[in-house]
PDB file of N, CA and C in Angstrom:
ATOM      1  N   MET A   1       0.800  -1.235   0.037  1.00  0.00           N
ATOM      2  CA  MET A   1       0.064   0.143   0.027  1.00  0.00           C
ATOM      3  C   MET A   1       0.945   1.318   0.004  1.00  0.00           C
ATOM      4  N   ARG A   2       1.992   1.167   0.850  1.00  0.00           N
ATOM      5  CA  ARG A   2       2.727   2.371   0.892  1.00  0.00           C
ATOM      6  C   ARG A   2       3.595   2.616  -0.640  1.00  0.00           C
ATOM      7  N   TYR A   3       3.895   1.441  -1.263  1.00  0.00           N
ATOM      8  CA  TYR A   3       4.558   1.696  -2.475  1.00  0.00           C
ATOM      9  C   TYR A   3       3.459   2.189  -3.548  1.00  0.00           C
ATOM     10  N   LEU A   4       2.320   1.854  -3.431  1.00  0.00           N
ATOM     11  CA  LEU A   4       1.294   2.232  -4.368  1.00  0.00           C
ATOM     12  C   LEU A   4       0.961   3.820  -4.177  1.00  0.00           C
ATOM     13  N   LEU A   5       0.991   4.221  -3.006  1.00  0.00           N
ATOM     14  CA  LEU A   5       0.773   5.734  -2.618  1.00  0.00           C
ATOM     15  C   LEU A   5       2.124   6.364  -2.875  1.00  0.00           C
ATOM     16  N   SER A   6       3.171   6.059  -2.752  1.00  0.00           N
ATOM     17  CA  SER A   6       4.523   6.770  -3.184  1.00  0.00           C
ATOM     18  C   SER A   6       4.500   6.836  -4.685  1.00  0.00           C
ATOM     19  N   THR A   7       4.026   5.708  -5.381  1.00  0.00           N
ATOM     20  CA  THR A   7       4.073   5.753  -6.845  1.00  0.00           C
ATOM     21  C   THR A   7       3.155   6.764  -7.510  1.00  0.00           C
ATOM     22  N   LEU A   8       2.011   6.882  -6.896  1.00  0.00           N
ATOM     23  CA  LEU A   8       0.901   7.709  -7.433  1.00  0.00           C
ATOM     24  C   LEU A   8       1.374   9.220  -7.047  1.00  0.00           C
ATOM     25  N   TRP A   9       2.079   9.343  -5.924  1.00  0.00           N
ATOM     26  CA  TRP A   9       2.478  10.640  -5.496  1.00  0.00           C
ATOM     27  C   TRP A   9       3.661  11.194  -6.591  1.00  0.00           C
ATOM     28  N   ARG A  10       4.388  10.580  -7.018  1.00  0.00           N
ATOM     29  CA  ARG A  10       5.494  10.623  -7.991  1.00  0.00           C
ATOM     30  C   ARG A  10       4.969  10.763  -9.351  1.00  0.00           C
ATOM     31  N   GLU A  11       3.878   9.996  -9.624  1.00  0.00           N
ATOM     32  CA  GLU A  11       3.363   9.947 -11.075  1.00  0.00           C
ATOM     33  C   GLU A  11       2.805  11.384 -11.399  1.00  0.00           C
ATOM     34  N   GLU A  12       3.174  11.873 -12.589  1.00  0.00           N
ATOM     35  CA  GLU A  12       2.720  13.076 -12.971  1.00  0.00           C
ATOM     36  C   GLU A  12       2.172  13.092 -14.326  1.00  0.00           C
ATOM     37  N   SER A  13       1.839  11.835 -14.868  1.00  0.00           N
ATOM     38  CA  SER A  13       1.138  11.782 -16.290  1.00  0.00           C
ATOM     39  C   SER A  13      -0.314  12.268 -16.335  1.00  0.00           C
ATOM     40  N   GLY A  14      -1.099  12.250 -15.153  1.00  0.00           N
ATOM     41  CA  GLY A  14      -2.407  12.745 -15.318  1.00  0.00           C
ATOM     42  C   GLY A  14      -2.667  14.133 -14.917  1.00  0.00           C
ATOM     43  N   GLN A  15      -1.339  14.777 -14.624  1.00  0.00           N
ATOM     44  CA  GLN A  15      -1.363  16.259 -14.263  1.00  0.00           C
ATOM     45  C   GLN A  15      -1.859  16.963 -15.401  1.00  0.00           C
ATOM     46  N   ASP A  16      -1.280  16.705 -16.330  1.00  0.00           N
ATOM     47  CA  ASP A  16      -1.498  17.425 -17.678  1.00  0.00           C
ATOM     48  C   ASP A  16      -3.081  17.553 -18.108  1.00  0.00           C
ATOM     49  N   LEU A  17      -3.681  16.414 -17.821  1.00  0.00           N
ATOM     50  CA  LEU A  17      -4.965  16.360 -18.387  1.00  0.00           C
ATOM     51  C   LEU A  17      -5.788  17.286 -17.305  1.00  0.00           C
ATOM     52  N   THR A  18      -5.554  17.251 -16.004  1.00  0.00           N
ATOM     53  CA  THR A  18      -6.020  18.153 -14.909  1.00  0.00           C
ATOM     54  C   THR A  18      -6.110  19.549 -15.391  1.00  0.00           C
ATOM     55  N   GLU A  19      -4.805  19.888 -15.790  1.00  0.00           N
ATOM     56  CA  GLU A  19      -4.481  21.291 -15.856  1.00  0.00           C
ATOM     57  C   GLU A  19      -5.187  21.748 -17.281  1.00  0.00           C
ATOM     58  N   TYR A  20      -5.260  21.011 -18.245  1.00  0.00           N
ATOM     59  CA  TYR A  20      -6.042  21.322 -19.540  1.00  0.00           C
ATOM     60  C   TYR A  20      -7.610  21.446 -19.102  1.00  0.00           C
ATOM     61  N   ALA A  21      -8.094  20.587 -18.304  1.00  0.00           N
ATOM     62  CA  ALA A  21      -9.531  20.800 -17.986  1.00  0.00           C
ATOM     63  C   ALA A  21      -9.768  22.016 -17.158  1.00  0.00           C
ATOM     64  N   LEU A  22      -8.998  22.347 -16.327  1.00  0.00           N
ATOM     65  CA  LEU A  22      -9.137  23.528 -15.523  1.00  0.00           C
ATOM     66  C   LEU A  22      -8.917  24.701 -16.503  1.00  0.00           C
ATOM     67  N   LEU A  23      -8.064  24.736 -17.461  1.00  0.00           N
ATOM     68  CA  LEU A  23      -8.022  25.788 -18.353  1.00  0.00           C
ATOM     69  C   LEU A  23      -9.172  25.979 -19.281  1.00  0.00           C
ATOM     70  N   MET A  24      -9.625  24.740 -19.765  1.00  0.00           N
ATOM     71  CA  MET A  24     -10.801  24.981 -20.600  1.00  0.00           C
ATOM     72  C   MET A  24     -12.036  25.394 -19.679  1.00  0.00           C
ATOM     73  N   ALA A  25     -12.124  25.082 -18.524  1.00  0.00           N
ATOM     74  CA  ALA A  25     -13.178  25.475 -17.605  1.00  0.00           C
ATOM     75  C   ALA A  25     -13.172  27.012 -17.509  1.00  0.00           C
ATOM     76  N   LEU A  26     -11.929  27.607 -17.306  1.00  0.00           N
ATOM     77  CA  LEU A  26     -11.786  29.058 -17.131  1.00  0.00           C
ATOM     78  C   LEU A  26     -12.142  29.653 -18.529  1.00  0.00           C
ATOM     79  N   ILE A  27     -11.759  29.078 -19.630  1.00  0.00           N
ATOM     80  CA  ILE A  27     -11.889  29.742 -20.892  1.00  0.00           C
ATOM     81  C   ILE A  27     -13.405  29.802 -21.143  1.00  0.00           C
ATOM     82  N   ALA A  28     -14.205  28.608 -20.708  1.00  0.00           N
ATOM     83  CA  ALA A  28     -15.650  28.589 -20.877  1.00  0.00           C
ATOM     84  C   ALA A  28     -16.375  29.560 -20.002  1.00  0.00           C
ATOM     85  N   LEU A  29     -15.698  29.792 -18.656  1.00  0.00           N
ATOM     86  CA  LEU A  29     -16.439  30.838 -17.941  1.00  0.00           C
ATOM     87  C   LEU A  29     -16.288  32.186 -18.402  1.00  0.00           C
ATOM     88  N   VAL A  30     -15.050  32.600 -18.986  1.00  0.00           N
ATOM     89  CA  VAL A  30     -14.800  34.039 -19.684  1.00  0.00           C
ATOM     90  C   VAL A  30     -15.685  34.133 -20.971  1.00  0.00           C
ATOM     91  N   VAL A  31     -15.876  33.045 -21.662  1.00  0.00           N
ATOM     92  CA  VAL A  31     -16.838  33.140 -22.937  1.00  0.00           C
ATOM     93  C   VAL A  31     -18.280  33.472 -22.537  1.00  0.00           C
ATOM     94  N   VAL A  32     -18.822  32.725 -21.414  1.00  0.00           N
ATOM     95  CA  VAL A  32     -20.128  32.884 -20.962  1.00  0.00           C
ATOM     96  C   VAL A  32     -20.231  34.240 -20.351  1.00  0.00           C
ATOM     97  N   ALA A  33     -19.283  34.691 -19.472  1.00  0.00           N
ATOM     98  CA  ALA A  33     -19.596  35.984 -19.084  1.00  0.00           C
ATOM     99  C   ALA A  33     -19.448  37.087 -19.973  1.00  0.00           C
ATOM    100  N   SER A  34     -18.572  37.000 -20.946  1.00  0.00           N
ATOM    101  CA  SER A  34     -18.442  38.099 -22.094  1.00  0.00           C
ATOM    102  C   SER A  34     -19.738  38.021 -22.920  1.00  0.00           C
ATOM    103  N   LEU A  35     -20.432  36.946 -23.207  1.00  0.00           N
ATOM    104  CA  LEU A  35     -21.726  36.792 -23.862  1.00  0.00           C
ATOM    105  C   LEU A  35     -22.904  37.358 -23.086  1.00  0.00           C
ATOM    106  N   ILE A  36     -22.852  37.148 -21.905  1.00  0.00           N
ATOM    107  CA  ILE A  36     -23.921  37.913 -21.105  1.00  0.00           C
ATOM    108  C   ILE A  36     -23.629  39.294 -21.018  1.00  0.00           C
ATOM    109  N   MET A  37     -22.345  39.889 -20.856  1.00  0.00           N
ATOM    110  CA  MET A  37     -22.219  41.312 -20.947  1.00  0.00           C
ATOM    111  C   MET A  37     -22.644  42.016 -22.351  1.00  0.00           C
ATOM    112  N   VAL A  38     -22.295  41.510 -23.332  1.00  0.00           N
ATOM    113  CA  VAL A  38     -22.603  41.994 -24.636  1.00  0.00           C
ATOM    114  C   VAL A  38     -23.819  41.335 -25.366  1.00  0.00           C
ATOM    115  N   GLY A  39     -24.539  40.411 -24.726  1.00  0.00           N
ATOM    116  CA  GLY A  39     -25.675  39.947 -25.430  1.00  0.00           C
ATOM    117  C   GLY A  39     -26.814  40.758 -25.894  1.00  0.00           C
ATOM    118  N   GLY A  40     -27.107  41.844 -24.976  1.00  0.00           N
ATOM    119  CA  GLY A  40     -28.060  42.837 -25.429  1.00  0.00           C
ATOM    120  C   GLY A  40     -27.761  43.634 -26.718  1.00  0.00           C
ATOM    121  N   SER A  41     -26.377  43.945 -26.646  1.00  0.00           N
ATOM    122  CA  SER A  41     -25.942  44.625 -27.897  1.00  0.00           C
ATOM    123  C   SER A  41     -26.077  43.815 -29.244  1.00  0.00           C
ATOM    124  N   ILE A  42     -25.561  42.612 -29.032  1.00  0.00           N
ATOM    125  CA  ILE A  42     -25.653  41.575 -30.200  1.00  0.00           C
ATOM    126  C   ILE A  42     -27.130  41.426 -30.723  1.00  0.00           C
ATOM    127  N   ARG A  43     -27.908  41.348 -29.766  1.00  0.00           N
ATOM    128  CA  ARG A  43     -29.416  41.196 -30.134  1.00  0.00           C
ATOM    129  C   ARG A  43     -29.928  42.218 -30.869  1.00  0.00           C
ATOM    130  N   ASP A  44     -29.517  43.603 -30.434  1.00  0.00           N
ATOM    131  CA  ASP A  44     -30.022  44.804 -31.155  1.00  0.00           C
ATOM    132  C   ASP A  44     -29.423  44.879 -32.442  1.00  0.00           C
ATOM    133  N   VAL A  45     -28.191  44.371 -32.680  1.00  0.00           N
ATOM    134  CA  VAL A  45     -27.600  44.472 -34.045  1.00  0.00           C
ATOM    135  C   VAL A  45     -28.533  43.611 -34.914  1.00  0.00           C
ATOM    136  N   PHE A  46     -28.662  42.375 -34.365  1.00  0.00           N
ATOM    137  CA  PHE A  46     -29.342  41.305 -35.317  1.00  0.00           C
ATOM    138  C   PHE A  46     -30.867  41.761 -35.593  1.00  0.00           C
ATOM    139  N   ASN A  47     -31.432  42.369 -34.490  1.00  0.00           N
ATOM    140  CA  ASN A  47     -32.838  42.909 -34.823  1.00  0.00           C
ATOM    141  C   ASN A  47     -32.840  44.008 -35.831  1.00  0.00           C
ATOM    142  N   THR A  48     -31.824  45.013 -35.759  1.00  0.00           N
ATOM    143  CA  THR A  48     -31.682  46.068 -36.681  1.00  0.00           C
ATOM    144  C   THR A  48     -31.595  45.418 -38.198  1.00  0.00           C
ATOM    145  N   ILE A  49     -30.716  44.440 -38.346  1.00  0.00           N
ATOM    146  CA  ILE A  49     -30.357  43.740 -39.582  1.00  0.00           C
ATOM    147  C   ILE A  49     -31.626  43.185 -40.151  1.00  0.00           C
ATOM    148  N   GLY A  50     -32.273  42.446 -39.241  1.00  0.00           N
ATOM    149  CA  GLY A  50     -33.566  41.799 -39.540  1.00  0.00           C
ATOM    150  C   GLY A  50     -34.567  42.527 -39.982  1.00  0.00           C
ATOM    151  N   GLY A  51     -34.775  43.670 -39.241  1.00  0.00           N
ATOM    152  CA  GLY A  51     -35.896  44.778 -39.676  1.00  0.00           C
ATOM    153  C   GLY A  51     -35.457  45.403 -40.996  1.00  0.00           C
ATOM    154  N   ALA A  52     -34.171  45.626 -41.312  1.00  0.00           N
ATOM    155  CA  ALA A  52     -33.863  46.096 -42.662  1.00  0.00           C
ATOM    156  C   ALA A  52     -33.920  45.258 -43.706  1.00  0.00           C
ATOM    157  N   LEU A  53     -33.694  44.064 -43.491  1.00  0.00           N
ATOM    158  CA  LEU A  53     -33.990  42.903 -44.473  1.00  0.00           C
ATOM    159  C   LEU A  53     -35.469  42.883 -44.677  1.00  0.00           C
ATOM    160  N   ALA A  54     -36.205  42.816 -43.733  1.00  0.00           N
ATOM    161  CA  ALA A  54     -37.752  42.669 -43.907  1.00  0.00           C
ATOM    162  C   ALA A  54     -38.217  43.920 -44.639  1.00  0.00           C
ATOM    163  N   ALA A  55     -37.804  45.137 -44.420  1.00  0.00           N
ATOM    164  CA  ALA A  55     -38.245  46.242 -45.011  1.00  0.00           C
ATOM    165  C   ALA A  55     -37.632  46.370 -46.528  1.00  0.00           C
ATOM    166  N   GLY A  56     -36.648  45.709 -46.859  1.00  0.00           N
ATOM    167  CA  GLY A  56     -36.020  45.941 -48.189  1.00  0.00           C
ATOM    168  C   GLY A  56     -35.008  47.007 -48.257  1.00  0.00           C
ATOM    169  N   THR A  57     -34.690  47.590 -47.123  1.00  0.00           N
ATOM    170  CA  THR A  57     -33.577  48.725 -46.963  1.00  0.00           C
ATOM    171  C   THR A  57     -32.475  48.217 -46.216  1.00  0.00           C
ATOM    172  N   VAL A  58     -31.282  48.903 -46.670  1.00  0.00           N
ATOM    173  CA  VAL A  58     -30.170  48.545 -45.804  1.00  0.00           C
ATOM    174  C   VAL A  58     -29.646  49.886 -45.331  1.00  0.00           C
ATOM    175  N   THR A  59     -29.480  49.947 -44.018  1.00  0.00           N
ATOM    176  CA  THR A  59     -28.847  51.164 -43.436  1.00  0.00           C
ATOM    177  C   THR A  59     -27.477  50.818 -42.686  1.00  0.00           C
ATOM    178  N   THR A  60     -26.737  51.850 -42.743  1.00  0.00           N
ATOM    179  CA  THR A  60     -25.486  51.554 -42.216  1.00  0.00           C
ATOM    180  C   THR A  60     -24.992  52.557 -41.127  1.00  0.00           C
TER     181      THR A  60
END
């Protein structure tokens, strides 16, 4: 049992996977937070484009 624990303690092959998972979780949180912050502006832009397309005019 002691040998198994010492081997697991020294083994670092699974450490990379954990670091990548934490990095991906952090990136996902940043993306979600930024979409929440600018979501209203993006919705307004698409509504303006949709209204212009429905009316047959394009405004800049």
